[in-house]
Amino acid sequence: REGRASIAYVFSSASWGRGYASQAVD
């Protein structure tokens, strides 16, 4: 309600530290 969103994300550890999560969530 009221224009609120709960977000979540999961990425494989091989992809950590490469900026992928940041880009995808953004």
PDB file of all heavy atoms in Angstrom:
ATOM      1  N   ARG A   1       0.828  -1.213   0.000  1.00  0.00           N
ATOM      2  CA  ARG A   1       0.000   0.000   0.000  1.00  0.00           C
ATOM      3  C   ARG A   1       0.863   1.264   0.000  1.00  0.00           C
ATOM      4  O   ARG A   1       2.026   1.220   0.340  1.00  0.00           O
ATOM      5  CB  ARG A   1      -0.927  -0.016   1.209  1.00  0.00           C
ATOM      6  CG  ARG A   1      -0.195   0.056   2.534  1.00  0.00           C
ATOM      7  CD  ARG A   1      -1.126  -0.164   3.718  1.00  0.00           C
ATOM      8  NE  ARG A   1      -0.578   0.267   4.969  1.00  0.00           N
ATOM      9  CZ  ARG A   1       0.508  -0.209   5.566  1.00  0.00           C
ATOM     10  NH1 ARG A   1       1.216  -1.139   4.981  1.00  0.00           N
ATOM     11  NH2 ARG A   1       0.909   0.242   6.736  1.00  0.00           N
ATOM     12  N   GLU A   2       0.249   2.346  -0.381  1.00  0.00           N
ATOM     13  CA  GLU A   2       0.849   3.681  -0.299  1.00  0.00           C
ATOM     14  C   GLU A   2       2.166   3.813  -1.062  1.00  0.00           C
ATOM     15  O   GLU A   2       3.058   4.551  -0.655  1.00  0.00           O
ATOM     16  CB  GLU A   2       1.044   4.074   1.168  1.00  0.00           C
ATOM     17  CG  GLU A   2      -0.250   4.119   1.944  1.00  0.00           C
ATOM     18  CD  GLU A   2      -0.046   4.326   3.435  1.00  0.00           C
ATOM     19  OE1 GLU A   2       1.096   4.598   3.869  1.00  0.00           O
ATOM     20  OE2 GLU A   2      -1.036   4.218   4.168  1.00  0.00           O
ATOM     21  N   GLY A   3       2.320   3.082  -2.155  1.00  0.00           N
ATOM     22  CA  GLY A   3       3.509   3.231  -2.977  1.00  0.00           C
ATOM     23  C   GLY A   3       4.785   2.740  -2.335  1.00  0.00           C
ATOM     24  O   GLY A   3       5.865   3.237  -2.652  1.00  0.00           O
ATOM     25  N   ARG A   4       4.685   1.762  -1.448  1.00  0.00           N
ATOM     26  CA  ARG A   4       5.854   1.199  -0.774  1.00  0.00           C
ATOM     27  C   ARG A   4       6.217  -0.154  -1.362  1.00  0.00           C
ATOM     28  O   ARG A   4       5.345  -0.953  -1.664  1.00  0.00           O
ATOM     29  CB  ARG A   4       5.582   1.013   0.719  1.00  0.00           C
ATOM     30  CG  ARG A   4       5.350   2.303   1.453  1.00  0.00           C
ATOM     31  CD  ARG A   4       5.075   2.029   2.908  1.00  0.00           C
ATOM     32  NE  ARG A   4       5.009   3.262   3.661  1.00  0.00           N
ATOM     33  CZ  ARG A   4       5.148   3.325   4.967  1.00  0.00           C
ATOM     34  NH1 ARG A   4       5.344   2.227   5.664  1.00  0.00           N
ATOM     35  NH2 ARG A   4       5.086   4.484   5.583  1.00  0.00           N
ATOM     36  N   ALA A   5       7.516  -0.385  -1.487  1.00  0.00           N
ATOM     37  CA  ALA A   5       7.987  -1.683  -1.989  1.00  0.00           C
ATOM     38  C   ALA A   5       9.103  -2.196  -1.094  1.00  0.00           C
ATOM     39  O   ALA A   5      10.024  -1.449  -0.734  1.00  0.00           O
ATOM     40  CB  ALA A   5       8.502  -1.557  -3.419  1.00  0.00           C
ATOM     41  N   SER A   6       8.995  -3.455  -0.734  1.00  0.00           N
ATOM     42  CA  SER A   6      10.084  -4.154  -0.051  1.00  0.00           C
ATOM     43  C   SER A   6      10.872  -4.878  -1.120  1.00  0.00           C
ATOM     44  O   SER A   6      10.293  -5.612  -1.932  1.00  0.00           O
ATOM     45  CB  SER A   6       9.536  -5.155   0.960  1.00  0.00           C
ATOM     46  OG  SER A   6       8.875  -4.481   1.996  1.00  0.00           O
ATOM     47  N   ILE A   7      12.174  -4.661  -1.125  1.00  0.00           N
ATOM     48  CA  ILE A   7      13.006  -5.289  -2.145  1.00  0.00           C
ATOM     49  C   ILE A   7      13.913  -6.334  -1.518  1.00  0.00           C
ATOM     50  O   ILE A   7      14.206  -6.290  -0.318  1.00  0.00           O
ATOM     51  CB  ILE A   7      13.844  -4.257  -2.926  1.00  0.00           C
ATOM     52  CG1 ILE A   7      14.873  -3.588  -2.003  1.00  0.00           C
ATOM     53  CG2 ILE A   7      12.938  -3.236  -3.598  1.00  0.00           C
ATOM     54  CD1 ILE A   7      16.008  -2.925  -2.749  1.00  0.00           C
ATOM     55  N   ALA A   8      14.349  -7.269  -2.355  1.00  0.00           N
ATOM     56  CA  ALA A   8      15.310  -8.287  -1.936  1.00  0.00           C
ATOM     57  C   ALA A   8      16.106  -8.702  -3.165  1.00  0.00           C
ATOM     58  O   ALA A   8      15.713  -8.422  -4.312  1.00  0.00           O
ATOM     59  CB  ALA A   8      14.600  -9.482  -1.322  1.00  0.00           C
ATOM     60  N   TYR A   9      17.223  -9.381  -2.915  1.00  0.00           N
ATOM     61  CA  TYR A   9      18.104  -9.791  -4.002  1.00  0.00           C
ATOM     62  C   TYR A   9      18.981 -10.914  -3.493  1.00  0.00           C
ATOM     63  O   TYR A   9      19.295 -10.993  -2.304  1.00  0.00           O
ATOM     64  CB  TYR A   9      18.980  -8.617  -4.460  1.00  0.00           C
ATOM     65  CG  TYR A   9      19.502  -7.814  -3.289  1.00  0.00           C
ATOM     66  CD1 TYR A   9      20.658  -8.202  -2.601  1.00  0.00           C
ATOM     67  CD2 TYR A   9      18.802  -6.704  -2.826  1.00  0.00           C
ATOM     68  CE1 TYR A   9      21.096  -7.501  -1.499  1.00  0.00           C
ATOM     69  CE2 TYR A   9      19.235  -5.999  -1.725  1.00  0.00           C
ATOM     70  CZ  TYR A   9      20.380  -6.408  -1.057  1.00  0.00           C
ATOM     71  OH  TYR A   9      20.810  -5.718   0.041  1.00  0.00           O
ATOM     72  N   VAL A  10      19.360 -11.789  -4.412  1.00  0.00           N
ATOM     73  CA  VAL A  10      20.305 -12.866  -4.120  1.00  0.00           C
ATOM     74  C   VAL A  10      21.156 -13.066  -5.370  1.00  0.00           C
ATOM     75  O   VAL A  10      20.614 -13.163  -6.475  1.00  0.00           O
ATOM     76  CB  VAL A  10      19.591 -14.187  -3.758  1.00  0.00           C
ATOM     77  CG1 VAL A  10      20.572 -15.340  -3.667  1.00  0.00           C
ATOM     78  CG2 VAL A  10      18.817 -14.046  -2.447  1.00  0.00           C
ATOM     79  N   PHE A  11      22.470 -13.119  -5.170  1.00  0.00           N
ATOM     80  CA  PHE A  11      23.400 -13.344  -6.274  1.00  0.00           C
ATOM     81  C   PHE A  11      24.384 -14.433  -5.890  1.00  0.00           C
ATOM     82  O   PHE A  11      24.772 -14.541  -4.721  1.00  0.00           O
ATOM     83  CB  PHE A  11      24.149 -12.053  -6.635  1.00  0.00           C
ATOM     84  CG  PHE A  11      23.279 -11.068  -7.349  1.00  0.00           C
ATOM     85  CD1 PHE A  11      22.430 -10.233  -6.651  1.00  0.00           C
ATOM     86  CD2 PHE A  11      23.280 -11.010  -8.728  1.00  0.00           C
ATOM     87  CE1 PHE A  11      21.593  -9.353  -7.303  1.00  0.00           C
ATOM     88  CE2 PHE A  11      22.445 -10.137  -9.402  1.00  0.00           C
ATOM     89  CZ  PHE A  11      21.603  -9.305  -8.689  1.00  0.00           C
ATOM     90  N   SER A  12      24.815 -15.210  -6.866  1.00  0.00           N
ATOM     91  CA  SER A  12      25.810 -16.247  -6.617  1.00  0.00           C
ATOM     92  C   SER A  12      27.101 -15.598  -6.134  1.00  0.00           C
ATOM     93  O   SER A  12      27.436 -14.484  -6.531  1.00  0.00           O
ATOM     94  CB  SER A  12      26.078 -17.054  -7.895  1.00  0.00           C
ATOM     95  OG  SER A  12      26.711 -16.239  -8.859  1.00  0.00           O
ATOM     96  N   SER A  13      27.833 -16.305  -5.287  1.00  0.00           N
ATOM     97  CA  SER A  13      29.068 -15.730  -4.742  1.00  0.00           C
ATOM     98  C   SER A  13      30.098 -15.455  -5.835  1.00  0.00           C
ATOM     99  O   SER A  13      30.915 -14.548  -5.695  1.00  0.00           O
ATOM    100  CB  SER A  13      29.648 -16.638  -3.658  1.00  0.00           C
ATOM    101  OG  SER A  13      29.971 -17.911  -4.182  1.00  0.00           O
ATOM    102  N   ALA A  14      30.047 -16.194  -6.939  1.00  0.00           N
ATOM    103  CA  ALA A  14      30.985 -15.953  -8.044  1.00  0.00           C
ATOM    104  C   ALA A  14      30.778 -14.581  -8.673  1.00  0.00           C
ATOM    105  O   ALA A  14      31.682 -14.043  -9.312  1.00  0.00           O
ATOM    106  CB  ALA A  14      30.849 -17.045  -9.100  1.00  0.00           C
ATOM    107  N   SER A  15      29.604 -13.987  -8.478  1.00  0.00           N
ATOM    108  CA  SER A  15      29.317 -12.679  -9.085  1.00  0.00           C
ATOM    109  C   SER A  15      29.489 -11.526  -8.099  1.00  0.00           C
ATOM    110  O   SER A  15      29.338 -10.365  -8.490  1.00  0.00           O
ATOM    111  CB  SER A  15      27.901 -12.671  -9.665  1.00  0.00           C
ATOM    112  OG  SER A  15      26.946 -12.765  -8.629  1.00  0.00           O
ATOM    113  N   TRP A  16      29.810 -11.805  -6.854  1.00  0.00           N
ATOM    114  CA  TRP A  16      29.975 -10.751  -5.850  1.00  0.00           C
ATOM    115  C   TRP A  16      31.160  -9.851  -6.192  1.00  0.00           C
ATOM    116  O   TRP A  16      32.155 -10.297  -6.762  1.00  0.00           O
ATOM    117  CB  TRP A  16      30.195 -11.350  -4.468  1.00  0.00           C
ATOM    118  CG  TRP A  16      29.011 -12.093  -3.911  1.00  0.00           C
ATOM    119  CD1 TRP A  16      27.740 -12.141  -4.419  1.00  0.00           C
ATOM    120  CD2 TRP A  16      29.006 -12.920  -2.746  1.00  0.00           C
ATOM    121  NE1 TRP A  16      26.941 -12.940  -3.642  1.00  0.00           N
ATOM    122  CE2 TRP A  16      27.695 -13.427  -2.605  1.00  0.00           C
ATOM    123  CE3 TRP A  16      29.966 -13.272  -1.814  1.00  0.00           C
ATOM    124  CZ2 TRP A  16      27.333 -14.274  -1.564  1.00  0.00           C
ATOM    125  CZ3 TRP A  16      29.602 -14.115  -0.777  1.00  0.00           C
ATOM    126  CH2 TRP A  16      28.305 -14.606  -0.651  1.00  0.00           C
ATOM    127  N   GLY A  17      31.050  -8.583  -5.843  1.00  0.00           N
ATOM    128  CA  GLY A  17      32.148  -7.641  -6.001  1.00  0.00           C
ATOM    129  C   GLY A  17      32.348  -7.136  -7.416  1.00  0.00           C
ATOM    130  O   GLY A  17      33.352  -6.491  -7.705  1.00  0.00           O
ATOM    131  N   ARG A  18      31.398  -7.380  -8.287  1.00  0.00           N
ATOM    132  CA  ARG A  18      31.530  -6.959  -9.691  1.00  0.00           C
ATOM    133  C   ARG A  18      30.538  -5.862 -10.082  1.00  0.00           C
ATOM    134  O   ARG A  18      30.470  -5.471 -11.237  1.00  0.00           O
ATOM    135  CB  ARG A  18      31.348  -8.163 -10.604  1.00  0.00           C
ATOM    136  CG  ARG A  18      32.410  -9.227 -10.371  1.00  0.00           C
ATOM    137  CD  ARG A  18      32.077 -10.482 -11.143  1.00  0.00           C
ATOM    138  NE  ARG A  18      33.003 -11.531 -10.803  1.00  0.00           N
ATOM    139  CZ  ARG A  18      33.792 -12.135 -11.662  1.00  0.00           C
ATOM    140  NH1 ARG A  18      33.778 -11.796 -12.935  1.00  0.00           N
ATOM    141  NH2 ARG A  18      34.595 -13.085 -11.262  1.00  0.00           N
ATOM    142  N   GLY A  19      29.727  -5.430  -9.122  1.00  0.00           N
ATOM    143  CA  GLY A  19      28.756  -4.376  -9.391  1.00  0.00           C
ATOM    144  C   GLY A  19      27.439  -4.863  -9.977  1.00  0.00           C
ATOM    145  O   GLY A  19      26.562  -4.055 -10.256  1.00  0.00           O
ATOM    146  N   TYR A  20      27.296  -6.169 -10.164  1.00  0.00           N
ATOM    147  CA  TYR A  20      26.072  -6.687 -10.785  1.00  0.00           C
ATOM    148  C   TYR A  20      24.839  -6.442  -9.914  1.00  0.00           C
ATOM    149  O   TYR A  20      23.785  -6.029 -10.408  1.00  0.00           O
ATOM    150  CB  TYR A  20      26.184  -8.178 -11.081  1.00  0.00           C
ATOM    151  CG  TYR A  20      27.280  -8.557 -12.045  1.00  0.00           C
ATOM    152  CD1 TYR A  20      28.002  -9.729 -11.874  1.00  0.00           C
ATOM    153  CD2 TYR A  20      27.596  -7.761 -13.146  1.00  0.00           C
ATOM    154  CE1 TYR A  20      29.004 -10.092 -12.756  1.00  0.00           C
ATOM    155  CE2 TYR A  20      28.605  -8.114 -14.035  1.00  0.00           C
ATOM    156  CZ  TYR A  20      29.306  -9.290 -13.823  1.00  0.00           C
ATOM    157  OH  TYR A  20      30.297  -9.652 -14.695  1.00  0.00           O
ATOM    158  N   ALA A  21      24.949  -6.710  -8.618  1.00  0.00           N
ATOM    159  CA  ALA A  21      23.798  -6.527  -7.723  1.00  0.00           C
ATOM    160  C   ALA A  21      23.375  -5.062  -7.709  1.00  0.00           C
ATOM    161  O   ALA A  21      22.183  -4.751  -7.805  1.00  0.00           O
ATOM    162  CB  ALA A  21      24.130  -7.018  -6.318  1.00  0.00           C
ATOM    163  N   SER A  22      24.336  -4.171  -7.622  1.00  0.00           N
ATOM    164  CA  SER A  22      24.049  -2.750  -7.604  1.00  0.00           C
ATOM    165  C   SER A  22      23.310  -2.319  -8.879  1.00  0.00           C
ATOM    166  O   SER A  22      22.297  -1.615  -8.818  1.00  0.00           O
ATOM    167  CB  SER A  22      25.358  -1.975  -7.456  1.00  0.00           C
ATOM    168  OG  SER A  22      25.130  -0.610  -7.457  1.00  0.00           O
ATOM    169  N   GLN A  23      23.800  -2.753 -10.022  1.00  0.00           N
ATOM    170  CA  GLN A  23      23.157  -2.403 -11.296  1.00  0.00           C
ATOM    171  C   GLN A  23      21.753  -2.983 -11.383  1.00  0.00           C
ATOM    172  O   GLN A  23      20.812  -2.298 -11.807  1.00  0.00           O
ATOM    173  CB  GLN A  23      23.983  -2.927 -12.468  1.00  0.00           C
ATOM    174  CG  GLN A  23      25.291  -2.229 -12.679  1.00  0.00           C
ATOM    175  CD  GLN A  23      26.082  -2.875 -13.813  1.00  0.00           C
ATOM    176  OE1 GLN A  23      25.522  -3.481 -14.713  1.00  0.00           O
ATOM    177  NE2 GLN A  23      27.398  -2.742 -13.752  1.00  0.00           N
ATOM    178  N   ALA A  24      21.607  -4.250 -11.003  1.00  0.00           N
ATOM    179  CA  ALA A  24      20.310  -4.920 -11.122  1.00  0.00           C
ATOM    180  C   ALA A  24      19.270  -4.307 -10.189  1.00  0.00           C
ATOM    181  O   ALA A  24      18.126  -4.058 -10.593  1.00  0.00           O
ATOM    182  CB  ALA A  24      20.460  -6.415 -10.848  1.00  0.00           C
ATOM    183  N   VAL A  25      19.657  -4.049  -8.943  1.00  0.00           N
ATOM    184  CA  VAL A  25      18.720  -3.444  -7.998  1.00  0.00           C
ATOM    185  C   VAL A  25      18.364  -2.033  -8.454  1.00  0.00           C
ATOM    186  O   VAL A  25      17.197  -1.622  -8.409  1.00  0.00           O
ATOM    187  CB  VAL A  25      19.295  -3.450  -6.564  1.00  0.00           C
ATOM    188  CG1 VAL A  25      18.415  -2.637  -5.618  1.00  0.00           C
ATOM    189  CG2 VAL A  25      19.436  -4.891  -6.056  1.00  0.00           C
ATOM    190  N   ASP A  26      19.331  -1.291  -8.926  1.00  0.00           N
ATOM    191  CA  ASP A  26      19.089   0.085  -9.372  1.00  0.00           C
ATOM    192  C   ASP A  26      18.096   0.129 -10.532  1.00  0.00           C
ATOM    193  O   ASP A  26      17.147   0.923 -10.510  1.00  0.00           O
ATOM    194  CB  ASP A  26      20.414   0.735  -9.764  1.00  0.00           C
ATOM    195  CG  ASP A  26      20.314   2.240  -9.841  1.00  0.00           C
ATOM    196  OD1 ASP A  26      19.694   2.850  -8.944  1.00  0.00           O
ATOM    197  OD2 ASP A  26      20.872   2.818 -10.793  1.00  0.00           O
TER     198      ASP A  26
END
